[in-house]
Amino acid sequence: MAAGRDARSLNWAKAGMCVTFTRRLGPDEVFARYGADHRQARPLDADEASDLPSGDSGDGAVSLLRSGRLGDWTFCVEEDGVVGSWDQPLAELSRGTETYSVLTTEGLDVFQYWRDGACIENFEPGMEHTRPERAGSWWDRVEAALSAHEGEDAGMAPVVALLLDHLGIVLDDAALAGPWPSLTLAEDDAPSVPRGDTYAGEGPVPPRQPTGG
């Protein structure tokens, strides 16, 4: 594994984030499929982006999105939000292509793989009851990556490192700290539909999105 894809160089992926990787879409299109206005994006480094207002407020939750293209893949790292784990934005992101999503929040970690608007895989690492039944599942690889860093307080960084290695791209702390197109997205503006009492994908139900908007 290249140094730039080592879990130890991915402090940004340890906790409190959601990241998606979508094939052959540019950042503008990725932002649009999240429900954001890509015209509002500005190239900001990590310190500058942290000054944008995000998190929970009286007007609702706001996510900070930072996106960029690396080879055939475009990442979108989300701070203070979980939109990149919702089924409708992932369906939009993966339409005509494929998208991986890794979420880590307090008490919930989720790995998802979507292709052409359909959820192919969705599970919560370590939770055996969410283990996909399909052949070729990512489950074993994810579990092995986490086991290799057991006791290191690495969070989901080993899973992101595994995925980066698979995609053949580098997004370590130093790379992410640089200037990337950045904007904020109110969760109410993200594409959403009521999920009701069922969920079409495998595995756990990701955090529920608003039913309006």
Protein backbone atom coordinates (compact mmCIF):
# COMPACT_ATOMS: atom_id res chain seq x y z
CA MET A 1 0.00 0.00 0.00
CA ALA A 2 1.39 3.42 -0.94
CA ALA A 3 2.21 5.78 1.91
CA GLY A 4 -0.43 8.23 0.74
CA ARG A 5 -3.05 5.53 1.20
CA ASP A 6 -1.87 4.31 4.61
CA ALA A 7 -4.47 4.62 7.37
CA ARG A 8 -1.92 6.47 9.52
CA SER A 9 -1.90 9.33 7.00
CA LEU A 10 -5.70 9.63 6.99
CA ASN A 11 -6.54 11.38 10.24
CA TRP A 12 -9.35 13.17 8.42
CA ALA A 13 -11.12 9.81 8.00
CA LYS A 14 -10.99 8.62 11.60
CA ALA A 15 -14.27 10.02 12.86
CA GLY A 16 -17.09 12.45 12.20
CA MET A 17 -17.12 12.48 8.43
CA CYS A 18 -18.76 11.08 5.32
CA VAL A 19 -16.90 10.64 2.03
CA THR A 20 -18.06 9.53 -1.40
CA PHE A 21 -16.02 8.51 -4.43
CA THR A 22 -17.79 8.70 -7.79
CA ARG A 23 -16.35 7.57 -11.09
CA ARG A 24 -15.97 9.87 -14.11
CA LEU A 25 -17.92 12.86 -12.83
CA GLY A 26 -16.37 16.25 -12.24
CA PRO A 27 -16.73 18.14 -8.94
CA ASP A 28 -19.40 20.46 -10.38
CA GLU A 29 -21.62 17.51 -11.31
CA VAL A 30 -20.97 15.82 -7.97
CA PHE A 31 -22.02 18.96 -6.11
CA ALA A 32 -25.13 19.20 -8.27
CA ARG A 33 -26.11 15.61 -7.53
CA TYR A 34 -25.73 16.30 -3.83
CA GLY A 35 -28.28 19.07 -4.35
CA ALA A 36 -25.79 21.94 -4.04
CA ASP A 37 -25.29 24.91 -6.35
CA HIS A 38 -21.84 24.26 -7.81
CA ARG A 39 -21.59 27.94 -8.78
CA GLN A 40 -21.14 28.71 -5.08
CA ALA A 41 -17.99 26.56 -4.85
CA ARG A 42 -14.65 28.26 -4.25
CA PRO A 43 -11.16 26.75 -4.10
CA LEU A 44 -10.37 26.79 -0.38
CA ASP A 45 -7.75 25.02 1.66
CA ALA A 46 -8.74 23.17 4.83
CA ASP A 47 -8.25 26.18 7.12
CA GLU A 48 -10.21 28.51 4.87
CA ALA A 49 -13.01 25.99 4.41
CA SER A 50 -13.30 25.52 8.18
CA ASP A 51 -14.40 29.15 8.44
CA LEU A 52 -17.55 28.44 6.42
CA PRO A 53 -20.66 28.13 8.62
CA SER A 54 -21.65 24.49 9.04
CA GLY A 55 -23.16 22.14 11.60
CA ASP A 56 -26.47 22.40 13.42
CA SER A 57 -28.14 25.76 13.74
CA GLY A 58 -31.57 27.23 14.24
CA ASP A 59 -32.12 27.01 10.50
CA GLY A 60 -31.24 23.29 10.33
CA ALA A 61 -28.14 21.24 9.68
CA VAL A 62 -25.55 22.45 7.16
CA SER A 63 -22.79 20.28 5.68
CA LEU A 64 -19.38 21.43 4.50
CA LEU A 65 -18.53 19.73 1.19
CA ARG A 66 -15.05 19.65 -0.36
CA SER A 67 -14.61 17.90 -3.68
CA GLY A 68 -11.94 17.21 -6.27
CA ARG A 69 -11.05 14.87 -9.09
CA LEU A 70 -8.24 12.33 -8.75
CA GLY A 71 -7.77 10.29 -11.91
CA ASP A 72 -11.08 8.68 -12.85
CA TRP A 73 -12.63 9.36 -9.44
CA THR A 74 -14.06 12.43 -7.75
CA PHE A 75 -14.15 12.54 -3.97
CA CYS A 76 -16.52 14.57 -1.86
CA VAL A 77 -15.57 14.84 1.79
CA GLU A 78 -18.40 16.00 4.02
CA GLU A 79 -17.87 17.51 7.43
CA ASP A 80 -20.64 18.10 9.93
CA GLY A 81 -23.11 16.10 7.87
CA VAL A 82 -24.31 12.74 6.60
CA VAL A 83 -25.93 13.58 3.24
CA GLY A 84 -23.43 11.37 1.41
CA SER A 85 -24.88 8.32 3.16
CA TRP A 86 -28.51 8.92 2.23
CA ASP A 87 -30.13 6.72 -0.37
CA GLN A 88 -31.49 9.43 -2.65
CA PRO A 89 -28.27 11.44 -3.04
CA LEU A 90 -26.36 8.18 -3.57
CA ALA A 91 -28.86 7.13 -6.21
CA GLU A 92 -28.29 10.47 -7.95
CA LEU A 93 -24.50 10.29 -7.61
CA SER A 94 -24.30 6.77 -9.03
CA ARG A 95 -26.72 7.34 -11.92
CA GLY A 96 -24.88 6.19 -15.04
CA THR A 97 -21.75 5.43 -13.02
CA GLU A 98 -20.73 4.02 -9.61
CA THR A 99 -20.23 5.49 -6.13
CA TYR A 100 -18.66 4.34 -2.89
CA SER A 101 -19.67 5.89 0.42
CA VAL A 102 -18.03 5.63 3.85
CA LEU A 103 -19.73 7.18 6.87
CA THR A 104 -18.47 7.42 10.44
CA THR A 105 -20.42 9.19 13.15
CA GLU A 106 -20.71 8.72 16.87
CA GLY A 107 -22.16 5.22 17.22
CA LEU A 108 -22.58 4.45 13.51
CA ASP A 109 -20.20 3.39 10.72
CA VAL A 110 -21.54 2.44 7.28
CA PHE A 111 -19.94 1.24 4.05
CA GLN A 112 -21.97 1.46 0.81
CA TYR A 113 -21.49 0.73 -2.86
CA TRP A 114 -23.99 1.98 -5.44
CA ARG A 115 -24.12 1.45 -9.20
CA ASP A 116 -26.41 3.19 -11.68
CA GLY A 117 -28.87 4.33 -9.05
CA ALA A 118 -29.10 1.03 -7.21
CA CYS A 119 -27.66 0.04 -3.84
CA ILE A 120 -25.39 -2.96 -4.39
CA GLU A 121 -23.94 -3.19 -0.91
CA ASN A 122 -24.69 -1.52 2.43
CA PHE A 123 -23.39 -2.76 5.75
CA GLU A 124 -22.19 -1.66 9.15
CA PRO A 125 -18.67 -3.01 9.79
CA GLY A 126 -18.50 -5.29 12.81
CA MET A 127 -22.25 -5.89 12.84
CA GLU A 128 -22.61 -9.44 11.59
CA HIS A 129 -26.36 -9.16 11.09
CA THR A 130 -25.71 -6.55 8.36
CA ARG A 131 -23.27 -8.77 6.44
CA PRO A 132 -24.28 -8.91 2.75
CA GLU A 133 -25.07 -12.32 1.31
CA ARG A 134 -23.87 -11.55 -2.20
CA ALA A 135 -20.71 -13.11 -3.57
CA GLY A 136 -17.75 -10.77 -3.82
CA SER A 137 -18.93 -8.56 -0.98
CA TRP A 138 -16.56 -5.99 0.48
CA TRP A 139 -17.32 -7.33 3.95
CA ASP A 140 -14.26 -9.56 4.40
CA ARG A 141 -11.85 -6.94 3.08
CA VAL A 142 -13.30 -4.24 5.31
CA GLU A 143 -13.22 -6.47 8.38
CA ALA A 144 -9.61 -7.47 7.69
CA ALA A 145 -8.56 -3.83 7.30
CA LEU A 146 -10.18 -2.87 10.60
CA SER A 147 -8.74 -5.89 12.40
CA ALA A 148 -5.22 -4.95 11.26
CA HIS A 149 -5.59 -1.64 13.15
CA GLU A 150 -7.50 -2.92 16.16
CA GLY A 151 -6.71 -0.96 19.31
CA GLU A 152 -5.17 1.96 17.41
CA ASP A 153 -8.19 4.30 17.60
CA ALA A 154 -8.07 4.44 13.81
CA GLY A 155 -11.81 4.75 13.28
CA MET A 156 -12.81 4.21 9.66
CA ALA A 157 -9.45 5.38 8.29
CA PRO A 158 -8.39 1.77 7.48
CA VAL A 159 -11.55 1.33 5.41
CA VAL A 160 -10.93 4.56 3.51
CA ALA A 161 -7.29 3.49 2.99
CA LEU A 162 -8.50 0.15 1.60
CA LEU A 163 -10.85 1.92 -0.78
CA LEU A 164 -8.23 4.43 -1.93
CA ASP A 165 -5.85 1.57 -2.66
CA HIS A 166 -8.55 -0.18 -4.68
CA LEU A 167 -9.28 3.00 -6.67
CA GLY A 168 -5.60 3.75 -7.16
CA ILE A 169 -5.73 7.30 -5.80
CA VAL A 170 -4.15 9.22 -2.90
CA LEU A 171 -6.11 11.45 -0.53
CA ASP A 172 -4.04 11.73 2.60
CA ASP A 173 -4.09 14.54 5.16
CA ALA A 174 -1.60 16.64 3.23
CA ALA A 175 -3.52 16.33 -0.03
CA LEU A 176 -6.88 17.15 1.54
CA ALA A 177 -5.41 20.18 3.32
CA GLY A 178 -4.76 21.85 -0.03
CA PRO A 179 -7.21 24.03 -1.97
CA TRP A 180 -10.24 22.17 -3.32
CA PRO A 181 -13.66 23.36 -4.52
CA SER A 182 -15.66 23.89 -1.33
CA LEU A 183 -19.18 24.95 -0.39
CA THR A 184 -21.87 24.41 2.19
CA LEU A 185 -25.13 22.53 1.71
CA ALA A 186 -28.23 22.79 3.86
CA GLU A 187 -29.55 19.28 4.44
CA ASP A 188 -33.02 20.48 3.52
CA ASP A 189 -31.71 21.21 0.01
CA ALA A 190 -30.35 17.70 -0.58
CA PRO A 191 -32.38 15.35 -2.80
CA SER A 192 -34.61 13.32 -0.53
CA VAL A 193 -37.66 11.11 -0.56
CA PRO A 194 -39.57 9.58 2.34
CA ARG A 195 -38.15 6.15 3.07
CA GLY A 196 -41.18 4.87 4.95
CA ASP A 197 -40.87 1.63 6.90
CA THR A 198 -38.61 -0.22 4.47
CA TYR A 199 -35.26 0.26 2.79
CA ALA A 200 -34.41 -1.24 -0.59
CA GLY A 201 -30.67 -1.65 0.02
CA GLU A 202 -28.89 -4.33 1.99
CA GLY A 203 -27.71 -3.79 5.53
CA PRO A 204 -28.45 -1.03 8.03
CA VAL A 205 -30.60 1.98 7.36
CA PRO A 206 -28.28 5.02 7.11
CA PRO A 207 -29.23 8.17 9.02
CA ARG A 208 -32.70 9.28 7.96
CA GLN A 209 -32.92 12.27 5.69
CA PRO A 210 -35.64 14.91 5.93
CA THR A 211 -38.87 13.98 4.20
CA GLY A 212 -39.42 17.42 2.79
CA GLY A 213 -37.42 19.52 0.38
